[in-house]
């Protein structure tokens, strides 16, 4: 029994592939910058130490920026 030939998928356009990756990397850097600016407020409002705020920031970053591994 012969099977009908499968159509060959068209290659992705080179200009469209990196655009989402670069955009995602930009948003990650922007997010990190906003968080760095917000650290004093994070420390002041709940009255936590610098170490606690740094720990919370360090715990947040890997969950918020998995796009970086794809963009590089």
PDB file of N, CA and C in Angstrom:
ATOM      1  N   UNK A   1       0.841  -1.183   0.000  1.00  0.00           N
ATOM      2  CA  UNK A   1       0.000   0.000   0.000  1.00  0.00           C
ATOM      3  C   UNK A   1       0.878   1.234   0.000  1.00  0.00           C
ATOM      4  N   UNK A   2       0.599   2.123  -0.857  1.00  0.00           N
ATOM      5  CA  UNK A   2       1.373   3.366  -0.862  1.00  0.00           C
ATOM      6  C   UNK A   2       0.558   4.469  -0.192  1.00  0.00           C
ATOM      7  N   UNK A   3       1.308   5.340   0.468  1.00  0.00           N
ATOM      8  CA  UNK A   3       0.680   6.468   1.164  1.00  0.00           C
ATOM      9  C   UNK A   3       0.858   7.723   0.320  1.00  0.00           C
ATOM     10  N   UNK A   4      -0.111   8.603   0.356  1.00  0.00           N
ATOM     11  CA  UNK A   4       0.056   9.847  -0.394  1.00  0.00           C
ATOM     12  C   UNK A   4       1.204  10.678   0.197  1.00  0.00           C
ATOM     13  N   UNK A   5       1.877  11.395  -0.634  1.00  0.00           N
ATOM     14  CA  UNK A   5       3.013  12.204  -0.183  1.00  0.00           C
ATOM     15  C   UNK A   5       2.532  13.303   0.766  1.00  0.00           C
ATOM     16  N   UNK A   6       3.296  13.468   1.834  1.00  0.00           N
ATOM     17  CA  UNK A   6       2.980  14.520   2.801  1.00  0.00           C
ATOM     18  C   UNK A   6       3.533  15.847   2.291  1.00  0.00           C
ATOM     19  N   UNK A   7       2.781  16.928   2.460  1.00  0.00           N
ATOM     20  CA  UNK A   7       3.308  18.221   2.024  1.00  0.00           C
ATOM     21  C   UNK A   7       4.474  18.655   2.907  1.00  0.00           C
ATOM     22  N   UNK A   8       5.453  19.266   2.298  1.00  0.00           N
ATOM     23  CA  UNK A   8       6.624  19.738   3.024  1.00  0.00           C
ATOM     24  C   UNK A   8       6.288  21.102   3.632  1.00  0.00           C
ATOM     25  N   UNK A   9       6.488  21.266   4.962  1.00  0.00           N
ATOM     26  CA  UNK A   9       6.169  22.564   5.563  1.00  0.00           C
ATOM     27  C   UNK A   9       7.117  23.640   5.058  1.00  0.00           C
ATOM     28  N   UNK A  10       6.587  24.815   4.892  1.00  0.00           N
ATOM     29  CA  UNK A  10       7.402  25.940   4.425  1.00  0.00           C
ATOM     30  C   UNK A  10       8.336  26.384   5.546  1.00  0.00           C
ATOM     31  N   UNK A  11       9.572  26.745   5.222  1.00  0.00           N
ATOM     32  CA  UNK A  11      10.491  27.212   6.261  1.00  0.00           C
ATOM     33  C   UNK A  11      10.021  28.546   6.832  1.00  0.00           C
ATOM     34  N   UNK A  12      10.342  28.759   8.085  1.00  0.00           N
ATOM     35  CA  UNK A  12       9.969  30.014   8.735  1.00  0.00           C
ATOM     36  C   UNK A  12      10.763  31.160   8.138  1.00  0.00           C
ATOM     37  N   UNK A  13      10.143  32.302   8.085  1.00  0.00           N
ATOM     38  CA  UNK A  13      10.844  33.476   7.572  1.00  0.00           C
ATOM     39  C   UNK A  13      11.885  33.909   8.588  1.00  0.00           C
ATOM     40  N   UNK A  14      13.122  34.105   8.164  1.00  0.00           N
ATOM     41  CA  UNK A  14      14.197  34.419   9.112  1.00  0.00           C
ATOM     42  C   UNK A  14      13.951  35.664   9.950  1.00  0.00           C
ATOM     43  N   UNK A  15      13.295  36.664   9.413  1.00  0.00           N
ATOM     44  CA  UNK A  15      13.077  37.897  10.155  1.00  0.00           C
ATOM     45  C   UNK A  15      12.035  37.775  11.243  1.00  0.00           C
ATOM     46  N   UNK A  16      11.143  36.815  11.144  1.00  0.00           N
ATOM     47  CA  UNK A  16      10.046  36.701  12.112  1.00  0.00           C
ATOM     48  C   UNK A  16      10.384  35.834  13.317  1.00  0.00           C
ATOM     49  N   UNK A  17      11.373  34.983  13.204  1.00  0.00           N
ATOM     50  CA  UNK A  17      11.698  34.076  14.309  1.00  0.00           C
ATOM     51  C   UNK A  17      12.336  34.795  15.487  1.00  0.00           C
ATOM     52  N   UNK A  18      13.383  35.630  15.288  1.00  0.00           N
ATOM     53  CA  UNK A  18      14.041  36.260  16.436  1.00  0.00           C
ATOM     54  C   UNK A  18      13.207  37.350  17.106  1.00  0.00           C
ATOM     55  N   UNK A  19      12.254  37.922  16.408  1.00  0.00           N
ATOM     56  CA  UNK A  19      11.496  39.040  16.956  1.00  0.00           C
ATOM     57  C   UNK A  19      10.820  38.716  18.286  1.00  0.00           C
ATOM     58  N   UNK A  20      10.084  37.631  18.428  1.00  0.00           N
ATOM     59  CA  UNK A  20       9.495  37.320  19.733  1.00  0.00           C
ATOM     60  C   UNK A  20      10.541  37.033  20.804  1.00  0.00           C
ATOM     61  N   UNK A  21      11.651  36.435  20.413  1.00  0.00           N
ATOM     62  CA  UNK A  21      12.692  36.145  21.388  1.00  0.00           C
ATOM     63  C   UNK A  21      13.334  37.424  21.910  1.00  0.00           C
ATOM     64  N   UNK A  22      13.625  38.344  21.019  1.00  0.00           N
ATOM     65  CA  UNK A  22      14.206  39.614  21.429  1.00  0.00           C
ATOM     66  C   UNK A  22      13.202  40.404  22.258  1.00  0.00           C
ATOM     67  N   UNK A  23      11.963  40.379  21.858  1.00  0.00           N
ATOM     68  CA  UNK A  23      10.924  41.061  22.630  1.00  0.00           C
ATOM     69  C   UNK A  23      10.779  40.472  24.022  1.00  0.00           C
ATOM     70  N   UNK A  24      10.825  39.159  24.128  1.00  0.00           N
ATOM     71  CA  UNK A  24      10.739  38.514  25.448  1.00  0.00           C
ATOM     72  C   UNK A  24      11.939  38.841  26.311  1.00  0.00           C
ATOM     73  N   UNK A  25      13.131  38.854  25.730  1.00  0.00           N
ATOM     74  CA  UNK A  25      14.327  39.208  26.493  1.00  0.00           C
ATOM     75  C   UNK A  25      14.259  40.654  26.966  1.00  0.00           C
ATOM     76  N   UNK A  26      13.756  41.549  26.123  1.00  0.00           N
ATOM     77  CA  UNK A  26      13.596  42.948  26.529  1.00  0.00           C
ATOM     78  C   UNK A  26      12.634  43.065  27.708  1.00  0.00           C
ATOM     79  N   UNK A  27      11.521  42.343  27.661  1.00  0.00           N
ATOM     80  CA  UNK A  27      10.550  42.405  28.754  1.00  0.00           C
ATOM     81  C   UNK A  27      11.128  41.852  30.052  1.00  0.00           C
ATOM     82  N   UNK A  28      11.976  40.846  29.963  1.00  0.00           N
ATOM     83  CA  UNK A  28      12.608  40.296  31.163  1.00  0.00           C
ATOM     84  C   UNK A  28      13.536  41.327  31.784  1.00  0.00           C
ATOM     85  N   UNK A  29      14.344  41.986  30.964  1.00  0.00           N
ATOM     86  CA  UNK A  29      15.250  43.018  31.476  1.00  0.00           C
ATOM     87  C   UNK A  29      14.453  44.173  32.068  1.00  0.00           C
ATOM     88  N   UNK A  30      13.383  44.573  31.410  1.00  0.00           N
ATOM     89  CA  UNK A  30      12.522  45.633  31.936  1.00  0.00           C
ATOM     90  C   UNK A  30      11.914  45.226  33.270  1.00  0.00           C
ATOM     91  N   UNK A  31      11.470  43.989  33.376  1.00  0.00           N
ATOM     92  CA  UNK A  31      10.895  43.487  34.619  1.00  0.00           C
ATOM     93  C   UNK A  31      11.923  43.502  35.744  1.00  0.00           C
ATOM     94  N   UNK A  32      13.147  43.096  35.462  1.00  0.00           N
ATOM     95  CA  UNK A  32      14.201  43.105  36.483  1.00  0.00           C
ATOM     96  C   UNK A  32      14.521  44.528  36.935  1.00  0.00           C
ATOM     97  N   UNK A  33      14.520  45.469  35.999  1.00  0.00           N
ATOM     98  CA  UNK A  33      14.782  46.858  36.341  1.00  0.00           C
ATOM     99  C   UNK A  33      13.676  47.424  37.230  1.00  0.00           C
ATOM    100  N   UNK A  34      12.453  47.151  36.885  1.00  0.00           N
ATOM    101  CA  UNK A  34      11.325  47.622  37.698  1.00  0.00           C
ATOM    102  C   UNK A  34      11.395  47.023  39.096  1.00  0.00           C
ATOM    103  N   UNK A  35      11.732  45.762  39.187  1.00  0.00           N
ATOM    104  CA  UNK A  35      11.829  45.119  40.490  1.00  0.00           C
ATOM    105  C   UNK A  35      12.972  45.705  41.313  1.00  0.00           C
ATOM    106  N   UNK A  36      14.092  46.019  40.675  1.00  0.00           N
ATOM    107  CA  UNK A  36      15.216  46.621  41.393  1.00  0.00           C
ATOM    108  C   UNK A  36      14.848  47.990  41.949  1.00  0.00           C
ATOM    109  N   UNK A  37      14.074  48.744  41.203  1.00  0.00           N
ATOM    110  CA  UNK A  37      13.629  50.051  41.677  1.00  0.00           C
ATOM    111  C   UNK A  37      12.631  49.898  42.827  1.00  0.00           C
ATOM    112  N   UNK A  38      11.869  48.838  42.807  1.00  0.00           N
ATOM    113  CA  UNK A  38      10.824  48.638  43.813  1.00  0.00           C
ATOM    114  C   UNK A  38      11.330  48.026  45.113  1.00  0.00           C
ATOM    115  N   UNK A  39      12.576  47.569  45.163  1.00  0.00           N
ATOM    116  CA  UNK A  39      13.085  46.891  46.366  1.00  0.00           C
ATOM    117  C   UNK A  39      12.964  47.750  47.626  1.00  0.00           C
ATOM    118  N   UNK A  40      13.287  49.051  47.595  1.00  0.00           N
ATOM    119  CA  UNK A  40      13.108  49.831  48.826  1.00  0.00           C
ATOM    120  C   UNK A  40      11.666  49.834  49.338  1.00  0.00           C
ATOM    121  N   UNK A  41      10.714  49.906  48.426  1.00  0.00           N
ATOM    122  CA  UNK A  41       9.310  49.851  48.854  1.00  0.00           C
ATOM    123  C   UNK A  41       8.948  48.466  49.373  1.00  0.00           C
ATOM    124  N   UNK A  42       9.517  47.448  48.738  1.00  0.00           N
ATOM    125  CA  UNK A  42       9.259  46.081  49.201  1.00  0.00           C
ATOM    126  C   UNK A  42       9.778  45.909  50.627  1.00  0.00           C
ATOM    127  N   UNK A  43      10.908  46.537  50.932  1.00  0.00           N
ATOM    128  CA  UNK A  43      11.474  46.438  52.279  1.00  0.00           C
ATOM    129  C   UNK A  43      10.679  47.281  53.273  1.00  0.00           C
ATOM    130  N   UNK A  44      10.258  48.465  52.856  1.00  0.00           N
ATOM    131  CA  UNK A  44       9.622  49.401  53.771  1.00  0.00           C
ATOM    132  C   UNK A  44       8.195  48.998  54.145  1.00  0.00           C
ATOM    133  N   UNK A  45       7.381  48.625  53.176  1.00  0.00           N
ATOM    134  CA  UNK A  45       5.964  48.370  53.447  1.00  0.00           C
ATOM    135  C   UNK A  45       5.737  47.241  54.453  1.00  0.00           C
ATOM    136  N   UNK A  46       6.277  46.041  54.245  1.00  0.00           N
ATOM    137  CA  UNK A  46       6.060  44.990  55.248  1.00  0.00           C
ATOM    138  C   UNK A  46       7.112  44.990  56.353  1.00  0.00           C
ATOM    139  N   UNK A  47       8.044  45.992  56.333  1.00  0.00           N
ATOM    140  CA  UNK A  47       9.085  46.119  57.350  1.00  0.00           C
ATOM    141  C   UNK A  47       9.946  44.856  57.429  1.00  0.00           C
ATOM    142  N   UNK A  48      10.566  44.525  56.312  1.00  0.00           N
ATOM    143  CA  UNK A  48      11.457  43.364  56.253  1.00  0.00           C
ATOM    144  C   UNK A  48      12.895  43.825  56.071  1.00  0.00           C
ATOM    145  N   UNK A  49      13.824  42.952  56.351  1.00  0.00           N
ATOM    146  CA  UNK A  49      15.243  43.285  56.228  1.00  0.00           C
ATOM    147  C   UNK A  49      15.675  43.222  54.761  1.00  0.00           C
ATOM    148  N   UNK A  50      16.869  43.760  54.511  1.00  0.00           N
ATOM    149  CA  UNK A  50      17.419  43.739  53.153  1.00  0.00           C
ATOM    150  C   UNK A  50      17.652  42.309  52.683  1.00  0.00           C
ATOM    151  N   UNK A  51      18.086  41.441  53.592  1.00  0.00           N
ATOM    152  CA  UNK A  51      18.315  40.039  53.233  1.00  0.00           C
ATOM    153  C   UNK A  51      17.036  39.337  52.808  1.00  0.00           C
ATOM    154  N   UNK A  52      15.951  39.620  53.500  1.00  0.00           N
ATOM    155  CA  UNK A  52      14.668  39.010  53.153  1.00  0.00           C
ATOM    156  C   UNK A  52      14.167  39.514  51.805  1.00  0.00           C
ATOM    157  N   UNK A  53      14.310  40.816  51.572  1.00  0.00           N
ATOM    158  CA  UNK A  53      13.878  41.375  50.288  1.00  0.00           C
ATOM    159  C   UNK A  53      14.738  40.811  49.155  1.00  0.00           C
ATOM    160  N   UNK A  54      16.034  40.653  49.402  1.00  0.00           N
ATOM    161  CA  UNK A  54      16.912  40.085  48.381  1.00  0.00           C
ATOM    162  C   UNK A  54      16.544  38.629  48.109  1.00  0.00           C
ATOM    163  N   UNK A  55      16.227  37.887  49.154  1.00  0.00           N
ATOM    164  CA  UNK A  55      15.827  36.488  48.974  1.00  0.00           C
ATOM    165  C   UNK A  55      14.540  36.405  48.162  1.00  0.00           C
ATOM    166  N   UNK A  56      13.579  37.267  48.465  1.00  0.00           N
ATOM    167  CA  UNK A  56      12.310  37.251  47.731  1.00  0.00           C
ATOM    168  C   UNK A  56      12.528  37.623  46.267  1.00  0.00           C
ATOM    169  N   UNK A  57      13.397  38.595  46.027  1.00  0.00           N
ATOM    170  CA  UNK A  57      13.701  38.993  44.658  1.00  0.00           C
ATOM    171  C   UNK A  57      14.413  37.869  43.914  1.00  0.00           C
ATOM    172  N   UNK A  58      15.364  37.228  44.573  1.00  0.00           N
ATOM    173  CA  UNK A  58      16.092  36.121  43.945  1.00  0.00           C
ATOM    174  C   UNK A  58      15.181  34.935  43.662  1.00  0.00           C
ATOM    175  N   UNK A  59      14.199  34.712  44.505  1.00  0.00           N
ATOM    176  CA  UNK A  59      13.255  33.617  44.280  1.00  0.00           C
ATOM    177  C   UNK A  59      12.298  33.941  43.134  1.00  0.00           C
ATOM    178  N   UNK A  60      11.990  35.214  42.962  1.00  0.00           N
ATOM    179  CA  UNK A  60      11.043  35.619  41.918  1.00  0.00           C
ATOM    180  C   UNK A  60      11.668  35.578  40.529  1.00  0.00           C
ATOM    181  N   UNK A  61      12.909  36.007  40.399  1.00  0.00           N
ATOM    182  CA  UNK A  61      13.528  36.160  39.080  1.00  0.00           C
ATOM    183  C   UNK A  61      13.567  34.881  38.239  1.00  0.00           C
ATOM    184  N   UNK A  62      13.983  33.731  38.770  1.00  0.00           N
ATOM    185  CA  UNK A  62      14.004  32.531  37.908  1.00  0.00           C
ATOM    186  C   UNK A  62      12.621  32.111  37.424  1.00  0.00           C
ATOM    187  N   UNK A  63      11.593  32.417  38.190  1.00  0.00           N
ATOM    188  CA  UNK A  63      10.248  32.053  37.749  1.00  0.00           C
ATOM    189  C   UNK A  63       9.706  33.037  36.731  1.00  0.00           C
ATOM    190  N   UNK A  64      10.219  34.266  36.736  1.00  0.00           N
ATOM    191  CA  UNK A  64       9.697  35.289  35.835  1.00  0.00           C
ATOM    192  C   UNK A  64      10.472  35.395  34.543  1.00  0.00           C
ATOM    193  N   UNK A  65      11.629  34.761  34.453  1.00  0.00           N
ATOM    194  CA  UNK A  65      12.452  34.985  33.272  1.00  0.00           C
ATOM    195  C   UNK A  65      12.942  33.716  32.582  1.00  0.00           C
ATOM    196  N   UNK A  66      12.093  32.752  32.318  1.00  0.00           N
ATOM    197  CA  UNK A  66      12.575  31.575  31.584  1.00  0.00           C
ATOM    198  C   UNK A  66      12.818  31.863  30.108  1.00  0.00           C
ATOM    199  N   UNK A  67      12.346  33.019  29.611  1.00  0.00           N
ATOM    200  CA  UNK A  67      12.554  33.347  28.196  1.00  0.00           C
ATOM    201  C   UNK A  67      14.017  33.615  27.893  1.00  0.00           C
ATOM    202  N   UNK A  68      14.798  33.983  28.885  1.00  0.00           N
ATOM    203  CA  UNK A  68      16.188  34.336  28.643  1.00  0.00           C
ATOM    204  C   UNK A  68      16.946  33.139  28.071  1.00  0.00           C
ATOM    205  N   UNK A  69      16.668  31.961  28.550  1.00  0.00           N
ATOM    206  CA  UNK A  69      17.373  30.788  28.034  1.00  0.00           C
ATOM    207  C   UNK A  69      17.053  30.528  26.570  1.00  0.00           C
ATOM    208  N   UNK A  70      15.868  30.909  26.134  1.00  0.00           N
ATOM    209  CA  UNK A  70      15.498  30.736  24.732  1.00  0.00           C
ATOM    210  C   UNK A  70      16.064  31.842  23.858  1.00  0.00           C
ATOM    211  N   UNK A  71      16.247  33.032  24.430  1.00  0.00           N
ATOM    212  CA  UNK A  71      16.692  34.175  23.642  1.00  0.00           C
ATOM    213  C   UNK A  71      18.187  34.196  23.422  1.00  0.00           C
ATOM    214  N   UNK A  72      18.938  33.466  24.226  1.00  0.00           N
ATOM    215  CA  UNK A  72      20.386  33.511  24.067  1.00  0.00           C
ATOM    216  C   UNK A  72      20.897  32.283  23.367  1.00  0.00           C
TER     217      UNK A  72
END
